[in-house]
Amino acid sequence: MAAPRLLRAAVDEKLLSEPLAHPDFFNVKELFCLKDLFDARVHLGHKKGCRHRFMEPYIFGCRLDQDIIDLDQTMDHLQLALNFTAHVAYRKGIILFVSRKRQFCHLVESTAQACGEYAHTRYWQGGLLTNAHIQFGAGVRLPDLIIFLSSLNNVFEPHVAIRDAAKMNIPTVGVVDTNCNPCLITYPIPGNDDSPSAMELYCKLFRMTIIRAKDKRRHIEAVHELWRKAEGN
């Protein structure tokens, strides 16, 4: 009885450790190119007067008093964020999509539903994460990753969940426009968070990444199950 258990433990360990040995195990770099970001108007920031000082390293320049985001940096940060999201989905983590912009509520919710995850697009009550054991009971499981498709509640106020997630050590991915503070977000993505075309691109990329990671997990589990049966025979 001990030998099959040891074999299963070894296979399960390989199942989790194998993706970490590759820099791009899920091939997220092939999902988009710099032209896709440009065509989706990801580079268009806010007016120069709205600029947050912590976003200055991500700004390429200013044209007609409008900040232009450096798409080379956006591409690198987006690839890192997608890769991390894929690893969380591969390990069967809970992913929560968050946005407070009414015009994108349906898009965000349909994206989460399409990839089998969760979304919160309404008013966020403070303490929803930090006091979860009081509000929902001791057995509640918090998200393993929160994706902020907009990191602001309004023009200047950061989303409350960013602070709460940082307090609870929950990793976050967030689109940060030039008027946002990226400091508390684990994987910030400098980019336009107002354009419908940009938002559709973000949602499409996260949806494809999560589905790809889950499909990869199912495929590898099926292969390992066949291998275990062959070893047993």
C-alpha atoms as a PDB file:
ATOM      1  CA  MET A   1       0.000   0.000   0.000  1.00  0.00           C
ATOM      2  CA  ALA A   2       2.898   2.371   0.742  1.00  0.00           C
ATOM      3  CA  ALA A   3       4.443   2.063  -2.727  1.00  0.00           C
ATOM      4  CA  PRO A   4       1.372   3.329  -4.663  1.00  0.00           C
ATOM      5  CA  ARG A   5       1.021   6.246  -2.243  1.00  0.00           C
ATOM      6  CA  LEU A   6       4.679   7.189  -2.687  1.00  0.00           C
ATOM      7  CA  LEU A   7       4.310   6.915  -6.452  1.00  0.00           C
ATOM      8  CA  ARG A   8       1.227   9.149  -6.433  1.00  0.00           C
ATOM      9  CA  ALA A   9       3.001  11.702  -4.210  1.00  0.00           C
ATOM     10  CA  ALA A  10       5.987  11.780  -6.570  1.00  0.00           C
ATOM     11  CA  VAL A  11       3.738  12.269  -9.597  1.00  0.00           C
ATOM     12  CA  ASP A  12       1.766  15.028  -7.868  1.00  0.00           C
ATOM     13  CA  GLU A  13       4.998  16.782  -6.912  1.00  0.00           C
ATOM     14  CA  LYS A  14       6.201  16.652 -10.504  1.00  0.00           C
ATOM     15  CA  LEU A  15       2.820  17.948 -11.662  1.00  0.00           C
ATOM     16  CA  LEU A  16       3.298  21.100  -9.572  1.00  0.00           C
ATOM     17  CA  SER A  17       7.050  21.619  -9.926  1.00  0.00           C
ATOM     18  CA  GLU A  18       7.415  21.024 -13.672  1.00  0.00           C
ATOM     19  CA  PRO A  19       5.810  24.345 -14.781  1.00  0.00           C
ATOM     20  CA  LEU A  20       8.089  26.314 -12.451  1.00  0.00           C
ATOM     21  CA  ALA A  21      11.163  25.054 -14.301  1.00  0.00           C
ATOM     22  CA  HIS A  22      10.166  26.897 -17.496  1.00  0.00           C
ATOM     23  CA  PRO A  23      10.165  30.699 -17.930  1.00  0.00           C
ATOM     24  CA  ASP A  24       7.070  30.578 -20.177  1.00  0.00           C
ATOM     25  CA  PHE A  25       5.480  27.185 -19.606  1.00  0.00           C
ATOM     26  CA  PHE A  26       2.065  28.348 -20.864  1.00  0.00           C
ATOM     27  CA  ASN A  27       3.382  30.312 -23.885  1.00  0.00           C
ATOM     28  CA  VAL A  28       1.642  33.537 -22.881  1.00  0.00           C
ATOM     29  CA  LYS A  29       4.082  35.573 -24.969  1.00  0.00           C
ATOM     30  CA  GLU A  30       2.451  34.297 -28.142  1.00  0.00           C
ATOM     31  CA  LEU A  31      -0.984  35.610 -27.135  1.00  0.00           C
ATOM     32  CA  PHE A  32      -0.331  39.220 -28.144  1.00  0.00           C
ATOM     33  CA  CYS A  33       2.201  41.593 -29.678  1.00  0.00           C
ATOM     34  CA  LEU A  34       3.010  45.273 -29.281  1.00  0.00           C
ATOM     35  CA  LYS A  35       0.828  46.183 -32.267  1.00  0.00           C
ATOM     36  CA  ASP A  36      -2.185  44.633 -30.520  1.00  0.00           C
ATOM     37  CA  LEU A  37      -1.610  46.972 -27.575  1.00  0.00           C
ATOM     38  CA  PHE A  38      -1.273  49.988 -29.852  1.00  0.00           C
ATOM     39  CA  ASP A  39      -4.389  49.141 -31.867  1.00  0.00           C
ATOM     40  CA  ALA A  40      -6.370  48.764 -28.620  1.00  0.00           C
ATOM     41  CA  ARG A  41      -5.248  52.270 -27.522  1.00  0.00           C
ATOM     42  CA  VAL A  42      -3.498  50.914 -24.445  1.00  0.00           C
ATOM     43  CA  HIS A  43      -0.838  53.641 -24.742  1.00  0.00           C
ATOM     44  CA  LEU A  44      -3.247  56.555 -24.175  1.00  0.00           C
ATOM     45  CA  GLY A  45      -3.044  57.894 -20.629  1.00  0.00           C
ATOM     46  CA  HIS A  46      -4.787  60.758 -18.865  1.00  0.00           C
ATOM     47  CA  LYS A  47      -4.076  64.470 -19.015  1.00  0.00           C
ATOM     48  CA  LYS A  48      -0.686  65.513 -17.694  1.00  0.00           C
ATOM     49  CA  GLY A  49      -2.321  67.293 -14.747  1.00  0.00           C
ATOM     50  CA  CYS A  50      -3.818  64.004 -13.499  1.00  0.00           C
ATOM     51  CA  ARG A  51      -0.495  62.148 -13.530  1.00  0.00           C
ATOM     52  CA  HIS A  52       0.457  60.182 -10.423  1.00  0.00           C
ATOM     53  CA  ARG A  53       4.122  60.611  -9.545  1.00  0.00           C
ATOM     54  CA  PHE A  54       4.687  56.864  -9.141  1.00  0.00           C
ATOM     55  CA  MET A  55       3.585  56.312 -12.744  1.00  0.00           C
ATOM     56  CA  GLU A  56       6.284  58.575 -14.213  1.00  0.00           C
ATOM     57  CA  PRO A  57       8.736  55.689 -14.940  1.00  0.00           C
ATOM     58  CA  TYR A  58       6.104  54.087 -17.207  1.00  0.00           C
ATOM     59  CA  ILE A  59       5.392  57.216 -19.270  1.00  0.00           C
ATOM     60  CA  PHE A  60       7.022  57.457 -22.697  1.00  0.00           C
ATOM     61  CA  GLY A  61       6.190  61.115 -23.227  1.00  0.00           C
ATOM     62  CA  CYS A  62       3.443  63.692 -23.459  1.00  0.00           C
ATOM     63  CA  ARG A  63       1.544  64.782 -26.582  1.00  0.00           C
ATOM     64  CA  LEU A  64      -1.023  67.573 -26.649  1.00  0.00           C
ATOM     65  CA  ASP A  65      -1.032  67.550 -22.828  1.00  0.00           C
ATOM     66  CA  GLN A  66      -1.895  63.821 -22.769  1.00  0.00           C
ATOM     67  CA  ASP A  67       0.480  61.275 -21.239  1.00  0.00           C
ATOM     68  CA  ILE A  68       1.639  58.458 -23.525  1.00  0.00           C
ATOM     69  CA  ILE A  69       2.417  55.130 -21.845  1.00  0.00           C
ATOM     70  CA  ASP A  70       5.554  53.206 -22.817  1.00  0.00           C
ATOM     71  CA  LEU A  71       4.162  50.096 -24.530  1.00  0.00           C
ATOM     72  CA  ASP A  72       7.487  48.245 -24.293  1.00  0.00           C
ATOM     73  CA  GLN A  73       7.143  48.312 -20.515  1.00  0.00           C
ATOM     74  CA  THR A  74       3.445  47.495 -20.747  1.00  0.00           C
ATOM     75  CA  MET A  75       4.253  44.429 -22.833  1.00  0.00           C
ATOM     76  CA  ASP A  76       6.828  43.160 -20.315  1.00  0.00           C
ATOM     77  CA  HIS A  77       4.555  43.749 -17.317  1.00  0.00           C
ATOM     78  CA  LEU A  78       1.539  42.204 -19.038  1.00  0.00           C
ATOM     79  CA  GLN A  79       3.508  39.066 -19.900  1.00  0.00           C
ATOM     80  CA  LEU A  80       4.622  38.724 -16.270  1.00  0.00           C
ATOM     81  CA  ALA A  81       1.049  39.218 -15.048  1.00  0.00           C
ATOM     82  CA  LEU A  82      -0.389  36.686 -17.495  1.00  0.00           C
ATOM     83  CA  ASN A  83       2.302  34.145 -16.616  1.00  0.00           C
ATOM     84  CA  PHE A  84       1.580  34.508 -12.895  1.00  0.00           C
ATOM     85  CA  THR A  85      -2.165  34.249 -13.526  1.00  0.00           C
ATOM     86  CA  ALA A  86      -1.604  31.073 -15.534  1.00  0.00           C
ATOM     87  CA  HIS A  87       0.369  29.472 -12.696  1.00  0.00           C
ATOM     88  CA  VAL A  88      -2.391  30.310 -10.192  1.00  0.00           C
ATOM     89  CA  ALA A  89      -5.060  28.855 -12.496  1.00  0.00           C
ATOM     90  CA  TYR A  90      -2.906  25.767 -13.148  1.00  0.00           C
ATOM     91  CA  ARG A  91      -2.690  25.123  -9.398  1.00  0.00           C
ATOM     92  CA  LYS A  92      -6.502  25.416  -9.118  1.00  0.00           C
ATOM     93  CA  GLY A  93      -6.406  28.750  -7.322  1.00  0.00           C
ATOM     94  CA  ILE A  94      -9.448  30.994  -6.941  1.00  0.00           C
ATOM     95  CA  ILE A  95      -9.233  34.075  -9.173  1.00  0.00           C
ATOM     96  CA  LEU A  96     -11.419  37.139  -8.603  1.00  0.00           C
ATOM     97  CA  PHE A  97     -11.943  39.810 -11.277  1.00  0.00           C
ATOM     98  CA  VAL A  98     -12.698  43.280  -9.892  1.00  0.00           C
ATOM     99  CA  SER A  99     -13.852  46.477 -11.615  1.00  0.00           C
ATOM    100  CA  ARG A 100     -15.966  49.429 -10.510  1.00  0.00           C
ATOM    101  CA  LYS A 101     -16.596  50.931 -13.950  1.00  0.00           C
ATOM    102  CA  ARG A 102     -20.251  50.475 -14.817  1.00  0.00           C
ATOM    103  CA  GLN A 103     -19.719  50.431 -18.570  1.00  0.00           C
ATOM    104  CA  PHE A 104     -17.519  47.324 -18.250  1.00  0.00           C
ATOM    105  CA  CYS A 105     -19.518  45.381 -15.634  1.00  0.00           C
ATOM    106  CA  HIS A 106     -21.062  42.951 -18.114  1.00  0.00           C
ATOM    107  CA  LEU A 107     -17.745  42.425 -19.928  1.00  0.00           C
ATOM    108  CA  VAL A 108     -15.869  41.640 -16.704  1.00  0.00           C
ATOM    109  CA  GLU A 109     -18.579  39.319 -15.385  1.00  0.00           C
ATOM    110  CA  SER A 110     -18.881  37.435 -18.678  1.00  0.00           C
ATOM    111  CA  THR A 111     -15.087  37.065 -18.809  1.00  0.00           C
ATOM    112  CA  ALA A 112     -14.996  35.533 -15.331  1.00  0.00           C
ATOM    113  CA  GLN A 113     -17.897  33.223 -16.167  1.00  0.00           C
ATOM    114  CA  ALA A 114     -16.266  32.089 -19.418  1.00  0.00           C
ATOM    115  CA  CYS A 115     -13.129  30.897 -17.646  1.00  0.00           C
ATOM    116  CA  GLY A 116     -14.879  29.470 -14.578  1.00  0.00           C
ATOM    117  CA  GLU A 117     -13.814  32.146 -12.098  1.00  0.00           C
ATOM    118  CA  TYR A 118     -15.450  34.936 -10.100  1.00  0.00           C
ATOM    119  CA  ALA A 119     -16.154  38.658 -10.516  1.00  0.00           C
ATOM    120  CA  HIS A 120     -17.086  41.581  -8.267  1.00  0.00           C
ATOM    121  CA  THR A 121     -18.262  44.700 -10.100  1.00  0.00           C
ATOM    122  CA  ARG A 122     -20.444  46.355  -7.463  1.00  0.00           C
ATOM    123  CA  TYR A 123     -19.737  48.434  -4.368  1.00  0.00           C
ATOM    124  CA  TRP A 124     -16.929  46.895  -2.313  1.00  0.00           C
ATOM    125  CA  GLN A 125     -17.569  46.989   1.401  1.00  0.00           C
ATOM    126  CA  GLY A 126     -14.436  47.725   3.411  1.00  0.00           C
ATOM    127  CA  GLY A 127     -13.199  44.744   5.389  1.00  0.00           C
ATOM    128  CA  LEU A 128     -14.694  42.200   3.008  1.00  0.00           C
ATOM    129  CA  LEU A 129     -11.343  40.387   2.985  1.00  0.00           C
ATOM    130  CA  THR A 130      -9.863  41.406   6.332  1.00  0.00           C
ATOM    131  CA  ASN A 131     -13.033  40.506   8.282  1.00  0.00           C
ATOM    132  CA  ALA A 132     -14.104  37.551   6.144  1.00  0.00           C
ATOM    133  CA  HIS A 133     -14.019  35.149   9.097  1.00  0.00           C
ATOM    134  CA  ILE A 134     -16.557  37.362  10.898  1.00  0.00           C
ATOM    135  CA  GLN A 135     -18.853  38.046   7.940  1.00  0.00           C
ATOM    136  CA  PHE A 136     -18.829  34.587   6.354  1.00  0.00           C
ATOM    137  CA  GLY A 137     -17.570  32.205   9.038  1.00  0.00           C
ATOM    138  CA  ALA A 138     -14.334  30.361   9.643  1.00  0.00           C
ATOM    139  CA  GLY A 139     -14.594  28.009   6.653  1.00  0.00           C
ATOM    140  CA  VAL A 140     -14.542  30.653   3.914  1.00  0.00           C
ATOM    141  CA  ARG A 141     -11.691  30.541   1.402  1.00  0.00           C
ATOM    142  CA  LEU A 142     -10.318  33.864   0.180  1.00  0.00           C
ATOM    143  CA  PRO A 143      -9.204  34.430  -3.430  1.00  0.00           C
ATOM    144  CA  ASP A 144      -5.715  33.277  -4.359  1.00  0.00           C
ATOM    145  CA  LEU A 145      -5.411  36.106  -6.882  1.00  0.00           C
ATOM    146  CA  ILE A 146      -7.348  39.325  -7.506  1.00  0.00           C
ATOM    147  CA  ILE A 147      -7.269  40.904 -10.972  1.00  0.00           C
ATOM    148  CA  PHE A 148      -8.133  44.608 -11.008  1.00  0.00           C
ATOM    149  CA  LEU A 149      -9.189  45.658 -14.491  1.00  0.00           C
ATOM    150  CA  SER A 150      -9.529  49.139 -13.046  1.00  0.00           C
ATOM    151  CA  SER A 151      -7.627  50.039  -9.890  1.00  0.00           C
ATOM    152  CA  LEU A 152      -9.699  53.131  -9.021  1.00  0.00           C
ATOM    153  CA  ASN A 153     -13.138  53.596  -7.473  1.00  0.00           C
ATOM    154  CA  ASN A 154     -13.465  56.996  -9.101  1.00  0.00           C
ATOM    155  CA  VAL A 155     -11.072  59.442 -10.771  1.00  0.00           C
ATOM    156  CA  PHE A 156      -8.660  59.667  -7.831  1.00  0.00           C
ATOM    157  CA  GLU A 157      -9.668  57.146  -5.143  1.00  0.00           C
ATOM    158  CA  PRO A 158      -7.915  53.725  -5.189  1.00  0.00           C
ATOM    159  CA  HIS A 159     -10.109  50.639  -4.947  1.00  0.00           C
ATOM    160  CA  VAL A 160     -10.510  49.579  -1.307  1.00  0.00           C
ATOM    161  CA  ALA A 161      -9.795  45.936  -2.179  1.00  0.00           C
ATOM    162  CA  ILE A 162      -6.208  46.816  -3.179  1.00  0.00           C
ATOM    163  CA  ARG A 163      -5.414  47.853   0.382  1.00  0.00           C
ATOM    164  CA  ASP A 164      -7.324  44.913   1.879  1.00  0.00           C
ATOM    165  CA  ALA A 165      -5.562  42.417  -0.398  1.00  0.00           C
ATOM    166  CA  ALA A 166      -2.177  43.844   0.604  1.00  0.00           C
ATOM    167  CA  LYS A 167      -3.090  43.444   4.286  1.00  0.00           C
ATOM    168  CA  MET A 168      -4.076  39.810   3.700  1.00  0.00           C
ATOM    169  CA  ASN A 169      -1.013  39.025   1.523  1.00  0.00           C
ATOM    170  CA  ILE A 170      -3.239  38.186  -1.441  1.00  0.00           C
ATOM    171  CA  PRO A 171      -1.321  38.740  -4.715  1.00  0.00           C
ATOM    172  CA  THR A 172      -2.871  41.204  -7.123  1.00  0.00           C
ATOM    173  CA  VAL A 173      -2.696  41.984 -10.823  1.00  0.00           C
ATOM    174  CA  GLY A 174      -3.916  45.403 -11.853  1.00  0.00           C
ATOM    175  CA  VAL A 175      -4.225  47.683 -14.862  1.00  0.00           C
ATOM    176  CA  VAL A 176      -2.836  51.060 -13.761  1.00  0.00           C
ATOM    177  CA  ASP A 177      -3.484  54.184 -15.803  1.00  0.00           C
ATOM    178  CA  THR A 178      -1.308  57.289 -15.485  1.00  0.00           C
ATOM    179  CA  ASN A 179      -3.502  58.637 -12.655  1.00  0.00           C
ATOM    180  CA  CYS A 180      -3.165  55.482 -10.496  1.00  0.00           C
ATOM    181  CA  ASN A 181      -0.846  54.481  -7.668  1.00  0.00           C
ATOM    182  CA  PRO A 182       0.804  51.135  -8.588  1.00  0.00           C
ATOM    183  CA  CYS A 183       2.664  50.645  -5.298  1.00  0.00           C
ATOM    184  CA  LEU A 184       0.363  48.128  -3.556  1.00  0.00           C
ATOM    185  CA  ILE A 185      -0.294  46.027  -6.669  1.00  0.00           C
ATOM    186  CA  THR A 186       1.884  42.934  -6.978  1.00  0.00           C
ATOM    187  CA  TYR A 187       1.893  42.862 -10.791  1.00  0.00           C
ATOM    188  CA  PRO A 188       0.992  46.325 -12.147  1.00  0.00           C
ATOM    189  CA  ILE A 189       0.185  46.646 -15.854  1.00  0.00           C
ATOM    190  CA  PRO A 190       0.657  50.237 -17.077  1.00  0.00           C
ATOM    191  CA  GLY A 191      -2.115  50.896 -19.562  1.00  0.00           C
ATOM    192  CA  ASN A 192      -5.322  52.661 -20.491  1.00  0.00           C
ATOM    193  CA  ASP A 193      -8.223  51.568 -18.273  1.00  0.00           C
ATOM    194  CA  ASP A 194     -10.941  53.705 -19.905  1.00  0.00           C
ATOM    195  CA  SER A 195     -10.990  52.638 -23.550  1.00  0.00           C
ATOM    196  CA  PRO A 196     -13.475  49.850 -24.443  1.00  0.00           C
ATOM    197  CA  SER A 197     -11.002  48.375 -26.936  1.00  0.00           C
ATOM    198  CA  ALA A 198      -8.263  48.207 -24.288  1.00  0.00           C
ATOM    199  CA  MET A 199     -10.600  46.626 -21.753  1.00  0.00           C
ATOM    200  CA  GLU A 200     -11.753  44.037 -24.285  1.00  0.00           C
ATOM    201  CA  LEU A 201      -8.116  43.155 -24.987  1.00  0.00           C
ATOM    202  CA  TYR A 202      -7.283  42.728 -21.292  1.00  0.00           C
ATOM    203  CA  CYS A 203     -10.330  40.533 -20.717  1.00  0.00           C
ATOM    204  CA  LYS A 204      -9.608  38.428 -23.781  1.00  0.00           C
ATOM    205  CA  LEU A 205      -5.985  37.860 -22.737  1.00  0.00           C
ATOM    206  CA  PHE A 206      -6.841  36.901 -19.155  1.00  0.00           C
ATOM    207  CA  ARG A 207      -9.649  34.620 -20.338  1.00  0.00           C
ATOM    208  CA  MET A 208      -7.389  32.853 -22.851  1.00  0.00           C
ATOM    209  CA  THR A 209      -4.585  32.541 -20.293  1.00  0.00           C
ATOM    210  CA  ILE A 210      -6.765  30.989 -17.581  1.00  0.00           C
ATOM    211  CA  ILE A 211      -8.468  28.579 -19.982  1.00  0.00           C
ATOM    212  CA  ARG A 212      -5.095  27.587 -21.443  1.00  0.00           C
ATOM    213  CA  ALA A 213      -3.653  26.896 -17.983  1.00  0.00           C
ATOM    214  CA  LYS A 214      -6.647  24.800 -16.920  1.00  0.00           C
ATOM    215  CA  ASP A 215      -6.564  22.811 -20.165  1.00  0.00           C
ATOM    216  CA  LYS A 216      -2.853  22.201 -19.653  1.00  0.00           C
ATOM    217  CA  ARG A 217      -3.511  20.918 -16.138  1.00  0.00           C
ATOM    218  CA  ARG A 218      -6.226  18.538 -17.336  1.00  0.00           C
ATOM    219  CA  HIS A 219      -4.012  17.241 -20.146  1.00  0.00           C
ATOM    220  CA  ILE A 220      -1.010  16.626 -17.886  1.00  0.00           C
ATOM    221  CA  GLU A 221      -3.197  14.980 -15.235  1.00  0.00           C
ATOM    222  CA  ALA A 222      -4.624  12.631 -17.879  1.00  0.00           C
ATOM    223  CA  VAL A 223      -1.135  11.712 -19.091  1.00  0.00           C
ATOM    224  CA  HIS A 224       0.105  11.096 -15.545  1.00  0.00           C
ATOM    225  CA  GLU A 225      -2.974   8.992 -14.766  1.00  0.00           C
ATOM    226  CA  LEU A 226      -2.264   6.778 -17.759  1.00  0.00           C
ATOM    227  CA  TRP A 227       1.366   6.540 -16.674  1.00  0.00           C
ATOM    228  CA  ARG A 228       0.336   5.527 -13.139  1.00  0.00           C
ATOM    229  CA  LYS A 229      -1.959   2.817 -14.498  1.00  0.00           C
ATOM    230  CA  ALA A 230       0.828   1.537 -16.728  1.00  0.00           C
ATOM    231  CA  GLU A 231       3.213   1.443 -13.766  1.00  0.00           C
ATOM    232  CA  GLY A 232       0.611  -0.398 -11.689  1.00  0.00           C
ATOM    233  CA  ASN A 233       0.236  -3.074 -14.330  1.00  0.00           C
END
